[in-house]
Amino acid sequence: MKEIHAVIRPQKLPRLREVLRAVPGFPGMTITRAVGCGATARHAPNSIKEELTDFTDKVRVEIITPDELADTLVDHIVGVASTGQTGDGLVWVTEVQRAVFIRKTVGTDSL
């Protein structure tokens, strides 16, 4: 299993959701709001106001998926999220040792 992590522009999320949901076997995703800044700045902040507002809104997408689907999902994420501009985001993949769905078993009184 793999975990796909992506940090993308928020306005790209509706299209990404549409594209990924059309992929057979798509397992679902978790979305979190995030803010960030790049390693290279266009200019050094001159004031505390600039220092505090030098962050851009992003969303973080996380998907746990079977190995055979990971490359396809990454390709779709990159295709949808790319505008060709600095700040489009980042995608990375990590190995997952174990993942378990958490469900309550009906009729069970004890944990």
N, C-alpha and C. Protein backbone atom coordinates (compact mmCIF):
# COMPACT_ATOMS: atom_id res chain seq x y z
N MET A 1 0.82 -1.17 0.00
CA MET A 1 0.00 0.00 0.00
C MET A 1 0.87 1.24 0.00
N LYS A 2 0.32 2.31 -0.55
CA LYS A 2 1.02 3.59 -0.61
C LYS A 2 0.13 4.67 -0.02
N GLU A 3 0.78 5.72 0.48
CA GLU A 3 0.05 6.93 0.85
C GLU A 3 0.53 8.04 -0.05
N ILE A 4 -0.42 8.64 -0.73
CA ILE A 4 -0.12 9.78 -1.60
C ILE A 4 -0.44 11.03 -0.81
N HIS A 5 0.52 11.94 -0.76
CA HIS A 5 0.34 13.24 -0.12
C HIS A 5 0.45 14.28 -1.22
N ALA A 6 -0.43 15.25 -1.20
CA ALA A 6 -0.34 16.34 -2.17
C ALA A 6 -0.73 17.64 -1.49
N VAL A 7 0.00 18.68 -1.78
CA VAL A 7 -0.35 20.02 -1.33
C VAL A 7 -0.61 20.82 -2.60
N ILE A 8 -1.85 21.31 -2.74
CA ILE A 8 -2.24 21.96 -4.00
C ILE A 8 -3.00 23.26 -3.72
N ARG A 9 -3.24 24.01 -4.78
CA ARG A 9 -4.03 25.23 -4.69
C ARG A 9 -5.49 24.86 -4.40
N PRO A 10 -6.16 25.57 -3.49
CA PRO A 10 -7.53 25.22 -3.13
C PRO A 10 -8.51 25.25 -4.31
N GLN A 11 -8.31 26.15 -5.24
CA GLN A 11 -9.24 26.24 -6.38
C GLN A 11 -9.16 25.03 -7.31
N LYS A 12 -8.13 24.21 -7.16
CA LYS A 12 -7.98 23.01 -7.98
C LYS A 12 -8.72 21.81 -7.38
N LEU A 13 -9.16 21.91 -6.14
CA LEU A 13 -9.77 20.78 -5.45
C LEU A 13 -11.07 20.27 -6.10
N PRO A 14 -12.01 21.11 -6.49
CA PRO A 14 -13.24 20.57 -7.09
C PRO A 14 -12.97 19.74 -8.35
N ARG A 15 -12.10 20.20 -9.21
CA ARG A 15 -11.77 19.45 -10.43
C ARG A 15 -11.02 18.17 -10.08
N LEU A 16 -10.10 18.24 -9.11
CA LEU A 16 -9.36 17.05 -8.70
C LEU A 16 -10.32 15.99 -8.17
N ARG A 17 -11.25 16.40 -7.35
CA ARG A 17 -12.24 15.46 -6.81
C ARG A 17 -13.01 14.77 -7.93
N GLU A 18 -13.44 15.55 -8.89
CA GLU A 18 -14.18 15.01 -10.03
C GLU A 18 -13.36 13.99 -10.82
N VAL A 19 -12.11 14.33 -11.09
CA VAL A 19 -11.23 13.45 -11.87
C VAL A 19 -10.91 12.17 -11.10
N LEU A 20 -10.57 12.30 -9.83
CA LEU A 20 -10.19 11.11 -9.05
C LEU A 20 -11.38 10.18 -8.82
N ARG A 21 -12.56 10.73 -8.60
CA ARG A 21 -13.73 9.88 -8.39
C ARG A 21 -14.09 9.08 -9.63
N ALA A 22 -13.63 9.50 -10.79
CA ALA A 22 -13.89 8.78 -12.04
C ALA A 22 -12.91 7.62 -12.25
N VAL A 23 -11.86 7.54 -11.44
CA VAL A 23 -10.87 6.47 -11.57
C VAL A 23 -11.43 5.19 -10.92
N PRO A 24 -11.53 4.10 -11.68
CA PRO A 24 -12.02 2.85 -11.09
C PRO A 24 -11.15 2.41 -9.91
N GLY A 25 -11.79 2.11 -8.80
CA GLY A 25 -11.06 1.67 -7.62
C GLY A 25 -10.57 2.80 -6.73
N PHE A 26 -10.88 4.05 -7.06
CA PHE A 26 -10.45 5.18 -6.23
C PHE A 26 -10.93 4.97 -4.80
N PRO A 27 -9.99 4.98 -3.83
CA PRO A 27 -10.35 4.63 -2.46
C PRO A 27 -10.88 5.77 -1.60
N GLY A 28 -10.90 6.99 -2.11
CA GLY A 28 -11.31 8.14 -1.31
C GLY A 28 -10.10 8.93 -0.86
N MET A 29 -10.35 10.08 -0.25
CA MET A 29 -9.24 10.95 0.16
C MET A 29 -9.63 11.77 1.38
N THR A 30 -8.62 12.24 2.06
CA THR A 30 -8.79 13.15 3.19
C THR A 30 -8.23 14.50 2.79
N ILE A 31 -8.96 15.55 3.10
CA ILE A 31 -8.54 16.91 2.74
C ILE A 31 -8.38 17.72 4.02
N THR A 32 -7.30 18.48 4.08
CA THR A 32 -7.07 19.40 5.20
C THR A 32 -6.64 20.74 4.65
N ARG A 33 -7.08 21.78 5.31
CA ARG A 33 -6.62 23.12 4.94
C ARG A 33 -5.19 23.31 5.43
N ALA A 34 -4.41 24.02 4.64
CA ALA A 34 -3.01 24.27 5.01
C ALA A 34 -2.60 25.65 4.51
N VAL A 35 -1.57 26.17 5.08
CA VAL A 35 -0.94 27.39 4.58
C VAL A 35 0.55 27.12 4.48
N GLY A 36 1.21 27.79 3.58
CA GLY A 36 2.63 27.55 3.42
C GLY A 36 3.31 28.65 2.64
N CYS A 37 4.62 28.52 2.59
CA CYS A 37 5.42 29.44 1.78
C CYS A 37 6.54 28.63 1.17
N GLY A 38 7.01 29.09 0.04
CA GLY A 38 8.09 28.40 -0.65
C GLY A 38 9.43 28.69 0.00
N ALA A 39 10.42 27.91 -0.38
CA ALA A 39 11.76 28.09 0.17
C ALA A 39 12.43 29.34 -0.39
N THR A 40 12.10 29.68 -1.63
CA THR A 40 12.69 30.87 -2.23
C THR A 40 11.65 31.98 -2.23
N ALA A 41 12.03 33.11 -1.70
CA ALA A 41 11.13 34.26 -1.66
C ALA A 41 11.44 35.20 -2.82
N ARG A 42 10.40 35.86 -3.31
CA ARG A 42 10.60 36.85 -4.37
C ARG A 42 11.40 38.04 -3.82
N HIS A 43 11.12 38.35 -2.59
CA HIS A 43 11.86 39.41 -1.90
C HIS A 43 11.78 39.15 -0.41
N ALA A 44 12.70 39.72 0.32
CA ALA A 44 12.69 39.57 1.78
C ALA A 44 11.63 40.51 2.35
N PRO A 45 10.83 40.02 3.30
CA PRO A 45 9.82 40.89 3.91
C PRO A 45 10.47 42.10 4.58
N ASN A 46 9.85 43.27 4.38
CA ASN A 46 10.38 44.51 4.95
C ASN A 46 9.69 44.92 6.24
N SER A 47 8.55 44.29 6.54
CA SER A 47 7.81 44.67 7.74
C SER A 47 7.22 43.43 8.38
N ILE A 48 6.75 43.60 9.61
CA ILE A 48 6.12 42.48 10.30
C ILE A 48 4.84 42.06 9.58
N LYS A 49 4.13 43.02 8.98
CA LYS A 49 2.91 42.69 8.23
C LYS A 49 3.25 41.78 7.05
N GLU A 50 4.29 42.11 6.31
CA GLU A 50 4.72 41.25 5.20
C GLU A 50 5.16 39.89 5.70
N GLU A 51 5.86 39.87 6.83
CA GLU A 51 6.34 38.62 7.40
C GLU A 51 5.17 37.69 7.75
N LEU A 52 4.09 38.25 8.29
CA LEU A 52 2.94 37.46 8.72
C LEU A 52 2.00 37.09 7.58
N THR A 53 2.10 37.77 6.45
CA THR A 53 1.18 37.49 5.34
C THR A 53 1.89 36.84 4.15
N ASP A 54 3.09 36.34 4.37
CA ASP A 54 3.87 35.73 3.30
C ASP A 54 3.50 34.26 3.09
N PHE A 55 2.30 33.87 3.49
CA PHE A 55 1.85 32.50 3.35
C PHE A 55 0.66 32.46 2.39
N THR A 56 0.55 31.36 1.65
CA THR A 56 -0.58 31.20 0.74
C THR A 56 -1.42 30.01 1.18
N ASP A 57 -2.71 30.11 0.94
CA ASP A 57 -3.62 29.03 1.27
C ASP A 57 -3.39 27.84 0.34
N LYS A 58 -3.42 26.67 0.91
CA LYS A 58 -3.28 25.41 0.17
C LYS A 58 -4.25 24.40 0.76
N VAL A 59 -4.42 23.29 0.10
CA VAL A 59 -5.10 22.15 0.69
C VAL A 59 -4.17 20.96 0.62
N ARG A 60 -4.26 20.12 1.62
CA ARG A 60 -3.45 18.90 1.65
C ARG A 60 -4.38 17.72 1.39
N VAL A 61 -4.00 16.91 0.43
CA VAL A 61 -4.77 15.74 0.04
C VAL A 61 -3.98 14.51 0.47
N GLU A 62 -4.66 13.56 1.11
CA GLU A 62 -4.01 12.31 1.52
C GLU A 62 -4.87 11.14 1.05
N ILE A 63 -4.23 10.18 0.41
CA ILE A 63 -4.92 9.02 -0.14
C ILE A 63 -4.12 7.77 0.20
N ILE A 64 -4.78 6.79 0.82
CA ILE A 64 -4.17 5.47 1.02
C ILE A 64 -4.70 4.60 -0.11
N THR A 65 -3.80 3.99 -0.87
CA THR A 65 -4.21 3.27 -2.07
C THR A 65 -3.37 2.01 -2.29
N PRO A 66 -3.94 1.04 -2.99
CA PRO A 66 -3.12 -0.12 -3.38
C PRO A 66 -1.97 0.33 -4.28
N ASP A 67 -0.86 -0.38 -4.22
CA ASP A 67 0.33 -0.03 -5.01
C ASP A 67 0.03 0.19 -6.48
N GLU A 68 -0.79 -0.70 -7.06
CA GLU A 68 -1.02 -0.64 -8.51
C GLU A 68 -1.80 0.59 -8.96
N LEU A 69 -2.44 1.30 -8.04
CA LEU A 69 -3.22 2.49 -8.40
C LEU A 69 -2.46 3.79 -8.14
N ALA A 70 -1.37 3.71 -7.38
CA ALA A 70 -0.66 4.91 -6.93
C ALA A 70 -0.17 5.79 -8.08
N ASP A 71 0.51 5.23 -9.06
CA ASP A 71 1.05 6.03 -10.16
C ASP A 71 -0.05 6.72 -10.96
N THR A 72 -1.14 6.03 -11.18
CA THR A 72 -2.27 6.62 -11.91
C THR A 72 -2.83 7.82 -11.15
N LEU A 73 -3.02 7.67 -9.84
CA LEU A 73 -3.55 8.78 -9.04
C LEU A 73 -2.59 9.96 -9.00
N VAL A 74 -1.30 9.68 -8.85
CA VAL A 74 -0.30 10.76 -8.86
C VAL A 74 -0.34 11.50 -10.19
N ASP A 75 -0.40 10.77 -11.29
CA ASP A 75 -0.46 11.42 -12.61
C ASP A 75 -1.68 12.32 -12.74
N HIS A 76 -2.81 11.86 -12.24
CA HIS A 76 -4.03 12.69 -12.28
C HIS A 76 -3.89 13.93 -11.41
N ILE A 77 -3.33 13.77 -10.23
CA ILE A 77 -3.15 14.92 -9.33
C ILE A 77 -2.26 15.97 -9.99
N VAL A 78 -1.13 15.53 -10.52
CA VAL A 78 -0.20 16.47 -11.17
C VAL A 78 -0.87 17.14 -12.37
N GLY A 79 -1.59 16.35 -13.16
CA GLY A 79 -2.26 16.91 -14.34
C GLY A 79 -3.28 17.97 -14.00
N VAL A 80 -4.05 17.73 -12.96
CA VAL A 80 -5.09 18.69 -12.57
C VAL A 80 -4.50 19.90 -11.86
N ALA A 81 -3.53 19.69 -10.99
CA ALA A 81 -3.01 20.76 -10.14
C ALA A 81 -2.02 21.68 -10.84
N SER A 82 -1.46 21.25 -11.94
CA SER A 82 -0.41 22.03 -12.60
C SER A 82 -0.96 23.22 -13.37
N THR A 83 -0.39 24.41 -13.10
CA THR A 83 -0.69 25.60 -13.89
C THR A 83 0.57 26.10 -14.59
N GLY A 84 1.70 25.49 -14.23
CA GLY A 84 2.97 25.93 -14.80
C GLY A 84 3.60 27.08 -14.02
N GLN A 85 3.00 27.45 -12.91
CA GLN A 85 3.51 28.56 -12.12
C GLN A 85 4.14 28.06 -10.83
N THR A 86 5.04 28.87 -10.27
CA THR A 86 5.60 28.58 -8.97
C THR A 86 4.46 28.57 -7.96
N GLY A 87 4.48 27.60 -7.06
CA GLY A 87 3.45 27.53 -6.04
C GLY A 87 2.32 26.59 -6.37
N ASP A 88 2.46 25.82 -7.46
CA ASP A 88 1.41 24.86 -7.81
C ASP A 88 1.24 23.78 -6.75
N GLY A 89 2.32 23.42 -6.06
CA GLY A 89 2.21 22.44 -5.00
C GLY A 89 3.27 21.37 -5.10
N LEU A 90 2.99 20.26 -4.40
CA LEU A 90 3.96 19.17 -4.28
C LEU A 90 3.19 17.88 -4.09
N VAL A 91 3.69 16.80 -4.67
CA VAL A 91 3.11 15.47 -4.48
C VAL A 91 4.24 14.53 -4.09
N TRP A 92 4.00 13.70 -3.07
CA TRP A 92 4.98 12.68 -2.71
C TRP A 92 4.25 11.43 -2.25
N VAL A 93 4.95 10.31 -2.32
CA VAL A 93 4.36 9.01 -2.02
C VAL A 93 5.21 8.32 -0.97
N THR A 94 4.54 7.73 0.02
CA THR A 94 5.24 6.97 1.05
C THR A 94 4.66 5.56 1.14
N GLU A 95 5.45 4.67 1.67
CA GLU A 95 5.03 3.28 1.87
C GLU A 95 4.18 3.20 3.13
N VAL A 96 3.13 2.40 3.08
CA VAL A 96 2.27 2.18 4.24
C VAL A 96 2.43 0.73 4.68
N GLN A 97 2.83 0.54 5.91
CA GLN A 97 3.02 -0.81 6.44
C GLN A 97 1.68 -1.50 6.70
N ARG A 98 0.73 -0.73 7.23
CA ARG A 98 -0.55 -1.33 7.59
C ARG A 98 -1.61 -0.23 7.66
N ALA A 99 -2.80 -0.54 7.19
CA ALA A 99 -3.93 0.36 7.30
C ALA A 99 -5.16 -0.47 7.62
N VAL A 100 -5.98 0.01 8.53
CA VAL A 100 -7.17 -0.72 8.96
C VAL A 100 -8.35 0.23 8.96
N PHE A 101 -9.44 -0.15 8.31
CA PHE A 101 -10.66 0.64 8.38
C PHE A 101 -11.25 0.49 9.78
N ILE A 102 -11.71 1.57 10.35
CA ILE A 102 -12.32 1.54 11.68
C ILE A 102 -13.83 1.55 11.49
N ARG A 103 -14.46 0.48 11.94
CA ARG A 103 -15.90 0.36 11.84
C ARG A 103 -16.44 -0.22 13.13
N LYS A 104 -17.61 0.21 13.52
CA LYS A 104 -18.24 -0.38 14.70
C LYS A 104 -19.00 -1.61 14.26
N THR A 105 -18.75 -2.70 14.92
CA THR A 105 -19.44 -3.94 14.61
C THR A 105 -20.79 -3.93 15.30
N VAL A 106 -21.85 -4.08 14.54
CA VAL A 106 -23.20 -4.07 15.07
C VAL A 106 -23.41 -5.27 15.99
N GLY A 107 -24.02 -5.01 17.17
CA GLY A 107 -24.34 -6.09 18.10
C GLY A 107 -23.22 -6.44 19.05
N THR A 108 -22.12 -5.71 19.03
CA THR A 108 -21.01 -5.98 19.93
C THR A 108 -21.03 -4.95 21.05
N ASP A 109 -21.08 -5.42 22.29
CA ASP A 109 -21.13 -4.52 23.43
C ASP A 109 -19.75 -4.13 23.97
N SER A 110 -18.78 -4.98 23.77
CA SER A 110 -17.45 -4.71 24.32
C SER A 110 -16.49 -4.28 23.21
N LEU A 111 -15.43 -3.65 23.65
CA LEU A 111 -14.42 -3.20 22.69
C LEU A 111 -13.38 -4.24 22.48
